[in-house]
Amino acid sequence: MFSKKTKLVILPAFVLFLLFISSVLLLNELIHKPSVQRYLLEQLSRAVNFEFHTRKMEITFWGGIGITLHDIEARSLVGPERTLSAPKARITFDVS
């Protein structure tokens, strides 16, 4: 049915596709765990000098790979104390 050359192209592409899908599903499961959410928020806090608290986190792929935070509060760690809050925030990773 398929020639050997076609199989040599289709099989690795299919395996890579399955690997990508399984990675996305694993990331989606991990981001719902409180320990992973705490770690991500701690790393984000260190990067921008704000302490973050959120109700819910999701991985998003619309418009780039990112994380959506729901009911977020951010408090300044340096300088005068400022508190910011928003019903929704999106952090997109730029790999360029």
Protein backbone atom coordinates (compact mmCIF):
# COMPACT_ATOMS: atom_id res chain seq x y z
CA MET A 1 0.00 0.00 0.00
CA PHE A 2 2.68 2.55 1.04
CA SER A 3 6.18 2.50 -0.35
CA LYS A 4 9.15 2.09 2.01
CA LYS A 5 10.14 5.74 1.59
CA THR A 6 6.68 6.91 2.55
CA LYS A 7 6.70 4.68 5.64
CA LEU A 8 10.10 6.09 6.64
CA VAL A 9 8.60 9.57 6.66
CA ILE A 10 5.14 8.89 8.05
CA LEU A 11 6.14 6.66 10.98
CA PRO A 12 8.60 9.11 12.65
CA ALA A 13 6.19 12.00 12.05
CA PHE A 14 3.38 10.03 13.69
CA VAL A 15 5.59 9.09 16.66
CA LEU A 16 6.61 12.76 17.13
CA PHE A 17 2.96 13.80 16.96
CA LEU A 18 2.04 11.24 19.65
CA LEU A 19 4.96 12.39 21.80
CA PHE A 20 3.82 16.02 21.50
CA ILE A 21 0.21 15.16 22.39
CA SER A 22 1.27 13.07 25.39
CA SER A 23 3.57 15.88 26.58
CA VAL A 24 0.72 18.40 26.40
CA LEU A 25 -1.58 16.07 28.33
CA LEU A 26 1.09 15.50 30.98
CA LEU A 27 1.71 19.24 31.35
CA ASN A 28 -2.02 19.85 31.63
CA GLU A 29 -2.28 17.30 34.43
CA LEU A 30 0.79 18.61 36.25
CA ILE A 31 -0.30 22.26 36.22
CA HIS A 32 -3.42 21.38 38.21
CA LYS A 33 -1.33 20.01 41.10
CA PRO A 34 -0.89 22.53 43.96
CA SER A 35 2.82 21.77 44.35
CA VAL A 36 3.50 22.52 40.67
CA GLN A 37 1.41 25.69 40.85
CA ARG A 38 3.34 26.84 43.93
CA TYR A 39 6.65 26.20 42.16
CA LEU A 40 5.60 28.10 39.03
CA LEU A 41 4.31 31.05 41.06
CA GLU A 42 7.52 31.14 43.13
CA GLN A 43 9.65 31.22 39.99
CA LEU A 44 7.45 33.93 38.49
CA SER A 45 7.65 35.91 41.74
CA ARG A 46 11.45 35.79 41.72
CA ALA A 47 11.58 36.92 38.12
CA VAL A 48 9.37 40.02 38.51
CA ASN A 49 9.65 40.87 42.25
CA PHE A 50 5.94 40.38 42.92
CA GLU A 51 4.29 37.76 45.14
CA PHE A 52 1.47 36.05 43.23
CA HIS A 53 -1.67 34.27 44.42
CA THR A 54 -4.15 32.72 42.02
CA ARG A 55 -7.24 30.54 42.14
CA LYS A 56 -6.72 28.56 38.93
CA MET A 57 -3.98 28.01 36.32
CA GLU A 58 -4.23 26.62 32.78
CA ILE A 59 -1.82 25.98 29.93
CA THR A 60 -2.86 27.73 26.73
CA PHE A 61 -1.69 27.44 23.15
CA TRP A 62 -3.85 30.10 21.51
CA GLY A 63 -1.55 32.87 20.29
CA GLY A 64 1.57 31.11 21.62
CA ILE A 65 2.49 28.84 24.48
CA GLY A 66 1.47 30.36 27.77
CA ILE A 67 -0.18 30.11 31.16
CA THR A 68 -3.52 31.69 32.03
CA LEU A 69 -4.07 32.70 35.65
CA HIS A 70 -7.59 33.27 37.02
CA ASP A 71 -8.43 35.59 39.95
CA ILE A 72 -4.85 36.74 40.37
CA GLU A 73 -3.42 38.99 43.07
CA ALA A 74 0.10 40.38 42.97
CA ARG A 75 1.87 42.16 45.83
CA SER A 76 5.13 44.07 45.41
CA LEU A 77 8.14 42.54 47.16
CA VAL A 78 10.34 45.63 46.87
CA GLY A 79 9.69 49.30 47.45
CA PRO A 80 6.34 50.61 48.66
CA GLU A 81 3.74 47.92 49.11
CA ARG A 82 1.41 47.81 46.14
CA THR A 83 -1.27 45.23 45.46
CA LEU A 84 -2.65 44.53 42.02
CA SER A 85 -5.54 42.23 41.19
CA ALA A 86 -7.20 41.04 38.00
CA PRO A 87 -9.87 38.51 37.11
CA LYS A 88 -7.60 36.98 34.46
CA ALA A 89 -3.98 37.28 33.33
CA ARG A 90 -2.07 35.53 30.57
CA ILE A 91 1.68 34.98 30.43
CA THR A 92 3.02 34.01 27.02
CA PHE A 93 6.49 32.59 26.53
CA ASP A 94 8.56 34.18 23.78
CA VAL A 95 11.18 31.81 22.44
CA SER A 96 12.46 33.98 19.62
